[in-house]
Amino acid sequence: MTIKVALAGAGAFGIKHLDGIKNIPDVEVISVIGRDLAKTQEVADKYGIKHVTDDLNEALKIQELDAVILCTPTQMHASQSIACLQAGKHVQVEIPLCDELKAGQEVARLQQQTGKVAMVGHTRRFNPSHQYVHNKVLAGEFNIQQMDVQTYFFRRTNTNALGQARSWTDHLLWHHAAHTVDLFAYQANSPIVKANAVQGPIHPVLGIAMDMSIQLQAANGAICTLSLSFNNDGPLGTYFRYIGDTGTYIARYDDLFTGKEEQIDVSQVAVSMNGIELQDREFFAAIREGREPNSSVQKVLPCYQVLHDLEQQLNG
């Protein structure tokens, strides 16, 4: 059976999904949705997708459509996920699930009601570098004492990963911190029981904090120190240091090193080195097998509870 998919949001991340799906058998993208019809048509032509629209609801009416992947602005994630589930479609939404806890809880409630697969793009769970560490933890060969994480961008204007102007404002807490808050609980294999945050000055134009520091502790005692910035004029991206009882690992995107900077071969960890493709493979496998996926809405919801609590603290 071929799974027929619609992709909403043909920007930098939507393209990554289209490239990943090309490597996955028996999956066909039949519709692409974007607010700029001319740009969306260009993407559709390049990938041989026949249906193009600027209205998600139009795509949801396509009878043979099975699933939707949402790569739209953060502020639309929860409401669009709800629309997909209400239309009887499986949905994978890019991180973050929501920027308000109540909305995320509603997606989770609807998922349980409909029984459809609803998954969030917590890509770090799928990157081979992090999978390698996770497998060590599950095998009892490595226990995390501390994760030290730096998420650094230079984003004093509203631009996306390709440097193009964005129609929406990104968020350090609800988007970028979400990656690490979820990954920490997942890798420590223990729920977060303590969370603390401080933030720097609010940007006069963007209206968001440009710098933030977060401390976390898991029930098993492991701690995490996370530094985030949109002000960093240097190497960009996220760097993870795993300090454990039997060694140290440093993850830079899909590359993994020991604490002594010796590279570890992670090419055999999974069928691909591409975290987005692995994420999509899990989504489609869960649909075929009628099971809950890794990074399902239910599994990542505790992360959003922590983000909510941190926001209350910061606004307090």
Protein backbone atom coordinates (compact mmCIF):
# COMPACT_ATOMS: atom_id res chain seq x y z
CA MET A 1 0.00 0.00 0.00
CA THR A 2 1.31 3.45 -0.92
CA ILE A 3 0.87 6.05 1.81
CA LYS A 4 -0.34 9.30 0.26
CA VAL A 5 0.93 12.43 1.96
CA ALA A 6 0.39 16.19 1.88
CA LEU A 7 3.20 18.56 2.90
CA ALA A 8 2.24 21.93 4.36
CA GLY A 9 5.00 24.54 4.35
CA ALA A 10 7.47 24.25 1.48
CA GLY A 11 10.23 26.31 3.15
CA ALA A 12 13.69 25.22 4.35
CA PHE A 13 12.37 22.35 6.47
CA GLY A 14 9.65 21.23 4.08
CA ILE A 15 12.35 20.66 1.45
CA LYS A 16 14.30 18.47 3.91
CA HIS A 17 11.22 16.27 4.30
CA LEU A 18 10.67 16.03 0.54
CA ASP A 19 14.32 14.99 0.09
CA GLY A 20 14.02 12.38 2.84
CA ILE A 21 10.75 10.94 1.52
CA LYS A 22 12.40 10.32 -1.88
CA ASN A 23 14.39 7.54 -0.16
CA ILE A 24 11.38 5.88 1.47
CA PRO A 25 9.53 3.24 -0.59
CA ASP A 26 5.74 3.24 -1.04
CA VAL A 27 5.19 6.84 0.04
CA GLU A 28 3.91 9.48 -2.37
CA VAL A 29 3.51 13.22 -1.76
CA ILE A 30 0.30 14.12 -3.60
CA SER A 31 -0.24 17.70 -2.39
CA VAL A 32 1.89 20.63 -1.27
CA ILE A 33 0.46 23.58 0.64
CA GLY A 34 2.09 27.02 0.98
CA ARG A 35 1.07 30.63 1.47
CA ASP A 36 3.10 31.84 -1.56
CA LEU A 37 1.53 29.94 -4.46
CA ALA A 38 4.25 30.78 -6.99
CA LYS A 39 7.06 29.52 -4.72
CA THR A 40 5.01 26.47 -3.74
CA GLN A 41 4.34 25.67 -7.40
CA GLU A 42 8.10 25.80 -8.06
CA VAL A 43 8.71 23.23 -5.32
CA ALA A 44 5.82 21.06 -6.58
CA ASP A 45 7.22 21.11 -10.13
CA LYS A 46 10.69 20.16 -8.91
CA TYR A 47 9.38 17.17 -6.93
CA GLY A 48 6.65 16.14 -9.38
CA ILE A 49 3.74 16.91 -7.04
CA LYS A 50 0.49 17.50 -8.91
CA HIS A 51 -1.74 19.30 -6.39
CA VAL A 52 -0.82 22.77 -5.10
CA THR A 53 -2.90 24.98 -2.81
CA ASP A 54 -2.60 27.75 -0.23
CA ASP A 55 -5.40 26.21 1.88
CA LEU A 56 -4.75 23.22 4.16
CA ASN A 57 -8.50 22.48 4.34
CA GLU A 58 -8.62 22.02 0.57
CA ALA A 59 -5.90 19.36 0.79
CA LEU A 60 -7.61 17.66 3.73
CA LYS A 61 -10.68 17.07 1.52
CA ILE A 62 -8.66 14.85 -0.86
CA GLN A 63 -10.27 11.44 -0.38
CA GLU A 64 -7.18 9.27 -0.85
CA LEU A 65 -4.97 11.42 1.43
CA ASP A 66 -3.65 9.39 4.39
CA ALA A 67 -1.29 11.71 6.23
CA VAL A 68 -0.02 15.28 6.53
CA ILE A 69 3.41 16.64 7.44
CA LEU A 70 3.25 20.18 8.86
CA CYS A 71 6.31 22.43 8.39
CA THR A 72 4.39 25.65 8.94
CA PRO A 73 5.05 28.53 11.40
CA THR A 74 5.11 27.55 15.10
CA GLN A 75 1.96 29.55 15.86
CA MET A 76 -0.09 27.33 13.50
CA HIS A 77 1.19 23.92 14.62
CA ALA A 78 -1.44 22.97 17.20
CA SER A 79 -4.50 24.27 15.32
CA GLN A 80 -3.39 22.63 12.06
CA SER A 81 -2.64 19.33 13.85
CA ILE A 82 -6.17 19.46 15.26
CA ALA A 83 -7.61 20.13 11.78
CA CYS A 84 -5.74 17.10 10.37
CA LEU A 85 -6.93 14.77 13.14
CA GLN A 86 -10.51 16.05 12.82
CA ALA A 87 -10.32 15.27 9.08
CA GLY A 88 -9.27 11.69 9.93
CA LYS A 89 -5.66 12.07 8.75
CA HIS A 90 -2.44 10.97 10.45
CA VAL A 91 -0.22 13.94 11.22
CA GLN A 92 3.45 14.68 11.81
CA VAL A 93 4.06 18.25 12.97
CA GLU A 94 7.47 19.86 13.09
CA ILE A 95 8.82 20.90 16.47
CA PRO A 96 7.36 22.55 18.50
CA LEU A 97 3.95 20.95 18.93
CA CYS A 98 2.60 24.22 20.36
CA ASP A 99 3.61 27.51 21.92
CA GLU A 100 0.94 27.18 24.63
CA LEU A 101 0.47 24.05 26.75
CA LYS A 102 -3.35 24.00 26.54
CA ALA A 103 -3.20 23.69 22.74
CA GLY A 104 -0.74 20.78 22.94
CA GLN A 105 -2.98 19.01 25.45
CA GLU A 106 -5.90 19.38 23.04
CA VAL A 107 -3.89 17.72 20.24
CA ALA A 108 -3.07 14.85 22.62
CA ARG A 109 -6.74 14.48 23.61
CA LEU A 110 -7.86 14.39 19.97
CA GLN A 111 -5.17 11.85 19.07
CA GLN A 112 -6.49 9.50 21.74
CA GLN A 113 -10.05 10.09 20.58
CA THR A 114 -9.31 9.42 16.88
CA GLY A 115 -6.60 6.76 17.32
CA LYS A 116 -4.64 8.34 14.45
CA VAL A 117 -0.85 8.58 14.49
CA ALA A 118 0.17 12.03 15.73
CA MET A 119 3.90 12.61 15.95
CA VAL A 120 6.13 15.62 16.62
CA GLY A 121 9.41 16.27 14.81
CA HIS A 122 11.74 15.90 17.79
CA THR A 123 14.59 15.16 15.38
CA ARG A 124 17.29 14.74 18.04
CA ARG A 125 15.69 11.41 19.05
CA PHE A 126 16.45 10.20 15.52
CA ASN A 127 19.89 11.65 14.72
CA PRO A 128 22.36 8.71 14.59
CA SER A 129 24.78 10.54 16.93
CA HIS A 130 22.15 10.75 19.68
CA GLN A 131 20.77 7.28 18.90
CA TYR A 132 24.27 5.88 19.50
CA VAL A 133 24.30 7.40 23.01
CA HIS A 134 20.71 6.30 23.64
CA ASN A 135 21.56 2.70 22.76
CA LYS A 136 24.47 2.80 25.25
CA VAL A 137 22.12 4.08 27.97
CA LEU A 138 19.52 1.37 27.27
CA ALA A 139 22.24 -1.30 27.29
CA GLY A 140 23.34 -0.11 30.75
CA GLU A 141 26.79 0.84 29.41
CA PHE A 142 26.50 4.61 29.97
CA ASN A 143 24.61 6.74 32.47
CA ILE A 144 24.35 10.48 31.98
CA GLN A 145 25.60 12.62 34.85
CA GLN A 146 25.28 15.92 33.01
CA MET A 147 24.32 17.16 29.56
CA ASP A 148 25.88 20.48 28.63
CA VAL A 149 24.19 21.98 25.59
CA GLN A 150 24.75 25.18 23.61
CA THR A 151 22.18 26.32 21.04
CA TYR A 152 23.65 29.34 19.27
CA PHE A 153 22.39 31.38 16.31
CA PHE A 154 22.99 34.85 14.96
CA ARG A 155 19.45 35.97 14.32
CA ARG A 156 18.93 39.64 15.05
CA THR A 157 16.55 39.80 12.10
CA ASN A 158 13.69 37.50 11.22
CA THR A 159 15.28 34.92 8.88
CA ASN A 160 15.01 31.17 8.41
CA ALA A 161 17.68 28.45 8.11
CA LEU A 162 18.27 29.50 4.48
CA GLY A 163 18.69 33.17 5.42
CA GLN A 164 15.32 34.09 3.88
CA ALA A 165 12.92 36.58 5.51
CA ARG A 166 10.43 34.90 7.83
CA SER A 167 6.76 35.78 8.17
CA TRP A 168 6.78 34.79 11.87
CA THR A 169 9.01 35.10 14.94
CA ASP A 170 11.06 32.16 16.13
CA HIS A 171 11.27 31.42 19.86
CA LEU A 172 14.20 30.30 22.02
CA LEU A 173 12.02 28.67 24.70
CA TRP A 174 9.15 27.03 22.82
CA HIS A 175 11.20 25.98 19.77
CA HIS A 176 14.92 25.69 20.39
CA ALA A 177 14.80 24.71 24.07
CA ALA A 178 12.12 22.11 23.23
CA HIS A 179 14.74 20.03 21.37
CA THR A 180 17.01 19.74 24.40
CA VAL A 181 14.36 19.54 27.14
CA ASP A 182 12.83 16.52 25.40
CA LEU A 183 16.20 14.97 24.51
CA PHE A 184 17.47 15.25 28.09
CA ALA A 185 14.54 13.31 29.56
CA TYR A 186 14.77 10.78 26.69
CA GLN A 187 18.53 10.23 27.03
CA ALA A 188 18.56 10.23 30.84
CA ASN A 189 15.65 7.77 30.59
CA SER A 190 14.08 9.63 33.50
CA PRO A 191 11.42 12.38 33.81
CA ILE A 192 12.41 16.00 34.53
CA VAL A 193 11.57 16.96 38.12
CA LYS A 194 13.28 20.36 38.44
CA ALA A 195 13.57 23.21 35.93
CA ASN A 196 14.89 26.73 36.24
CA ALA A 197 15.42 29.54 33.68
CA VAL A 198 16.73 33.07 33.38
CA GLN A 199 16.62 35.23 30.26
CA GLY A 200 18.44 38.26 28.90
CA PRO A 201 16.93 41.54 27.65
CA ILE A 202 13.85 41.50 25.40
CA HIS A 203 14.64 42.58 21.81
CA PRO A 204 12.91 45.94 21.10
CA VAL A 205 11.71 44.90 17.61
CA LEU A 206 11.28 41.10 17.76
CA GLY A 207 9.72 41.20 21.23
CA ILE A 208 11.53 38.06 22.43
CA ALA A 209 14.48 37.30 24.70
CA MET A 210 17.63 36.81 22.63
CA ASP A 211 19.55 34.93 25.34
CA MET A 212 18.45 32.30 27.83
CA SER A 213 19.92 29.87 30.34
CA ILE A 214 18.07 26.74 31.54
CA GLN A 215 18.91 24.19 34.25
CA LEU A 216 17.16 20.84 34.45
CA GLN A 217 17.28 17.81 36.75
CA ALA A 218 15.85 14.35 36.07
CA ALA A 219 14.34 12.08 38.71
CA ASN A 220 17.44 9.85 38.56
CA GLY A 221 19.70 12.77 39.52
CA ALA A 222 21.13 13.61 36.07
CA ILE A 223 21.39 17.33 35.33
CA CYS A 224 21.34 19.44 32.16
CA THR A 225 22.73 22.91 31.54
CA LEU A 226 21.37 24.61 28.40
CA SER A 227 22.55 27.94 27.00
CA LEU A 228 20.62 29.54 24.11
CA SER A 229 21.34 32.67 22.07
CA PHE A 230 20.21 34.50 18.96
CA ASN A 231 23.10 36.96 19.51
CA ASN A 232 26.03 34.64 18.83
CA ASP A 233 28.26 35.76 15.96
CA GLY A 234 30.29 32.56 15.72
CA PRO A 235 29.84 28.87 14.99
CA LEU A 236 26.09 28.32 14.66
CA GLY A 237 23.93 25.38 15.68
CA THR A 238 23.63 23.13 18.71
CA TYR A 239 26.46 21.27 20.41
CA PHE A 240 25.82 18.56 22.99
CA ARG A 241 28.30 17.31 25.56
CA TYR A 242 27.22 14.11 27.33
CA ILE A 243 29.18 13.64 30.55
CA GLY A 244 28.61 10.12 31.86
CA ASP A 245 29.94 7.55 34.29
CA THR A 246 31.93 5.67 31.63
CA GLY A 247 32.99 8.44 29.25
CA THR A 248 32.18 11.71 27.52
CA TYR A 249 30.53 12.17 24.13
CA ILE A 250 30.25 15.33 22.06
CA ALA A 251 27.53 15.48 19.40
CA ARG A 252 27.64 18.06 16.62
CA TYR A 253 24.65 17.49 14.34
CA ASP A 254 25.17 13.99 12.91
CA ASP A 255 28.81 13.69 14.03
CA LEU A 256 29.82 12.15 17.34
CA PHE A 257 33.17 12.42 19.13
CA THR A 258 34.69 11.23 22.39
CA GLY A 259 35.69 13.84 24.96
CA LYS A 260 39.18 13.60 23.45
CA GLU A 261 37.79 14.60 20.02
CA GLU A 262 38.16 11.11 18.50
CA GLN A 263 35.40 10.67 15.93
CA ILE A 264 33.01 7.74 16.42
CA ASP A 265 31.60 6.02 13.34
CA VAL A 266 27.78 6.25 13.59
CA SER A 267 27.10 5.30 9.96
CA GLN A 268 25.78 1.84 10.97
CA VAL A 269 23.44 3.05 13.73
CA ALA A 270 20.44 3.38 11.38
CA VAL A 271 19.51 2.93 7.70
CA SER A 272 20.32 6.59 6.99
CA MET A 273 22.50 9.34 8.42
CA ASN A 274 19.68 11.85 7.85
CA GLY A 275 17.68 12.53 11.02
CA ILE A 276 14.70 13.98 9.11
CA GLU A 277 14.50 10.92 6.85
CA LEU A 278 14.69 8.61 9.91
CA GLN A 279 11.94 10.65 11.57
CA ASP A 280 9.74 10.28 8.47
CA ARG A 281 10.49 6.54 8.26
CA GLU A 282 9.26 6.16 11.84
CA PHE A 283 6.08 8.12 11.05
CA PHE A 284 5.20 5.94 8.06
CA ALA A 285 6.17 2.71 9.87
CA ALA A 286 3.87 3.63 12.78
CA ILE A 287 1.00 4.22 10.32
CA ARG A 288 1.59 0.86 8.59
CA GLU A 289 2.01 -1.05 11.85
CA GLY A 290 -0.83 0.71 13.69
CA ARG A 291 1.39 1.62 16.64
CA GLU A 292 2.51 4.64 18.62
CA PRO A 293 5.64 6.23 17.13
CA ASN A 294 8.75 7.37 18.94
CA SER A 295 8.16 11.11 19.61
CA SER A 296 4.38 10.70 19.54
CA VAL A 297 2.37 13.65 20.88
CA GLN A 298 1.76 11.63 24.07
CA LYS A 299 5.47 10.90 24.59
CA VAL A 300 6.69 14.48 24.07
CA LEU A 301 3.89 16.25 26.00
CA PRO A 302 5.90 16.25 29.29
CA CYS A 303 8.50 18.43 27.51
CA TYR A 304 5.84 21.07 26.83
CA GLN A 305 4.70 20.94 30.46
CA VAL A 306 8.30 21.84 31.45
CA LEU A 307 8.40 24.68 28.87
CA HIS A 308 5.08 25.98 30.22
CA ASP A 309 6.42 25.92 33.79
CA LEU A 310 9.60 27.73 32.69
CA GLU A 311 7.54 30.39 30.89
CA GLN A 312 5.48 30.96 34.05
CA GLN A 313 8.72 31.36 35.97
CA LEU A 314 10.21 33.80 33.42
CA ASN A 315 7.00 35.86 33.31
CA GLY A 316 6.59 35.71 37.08
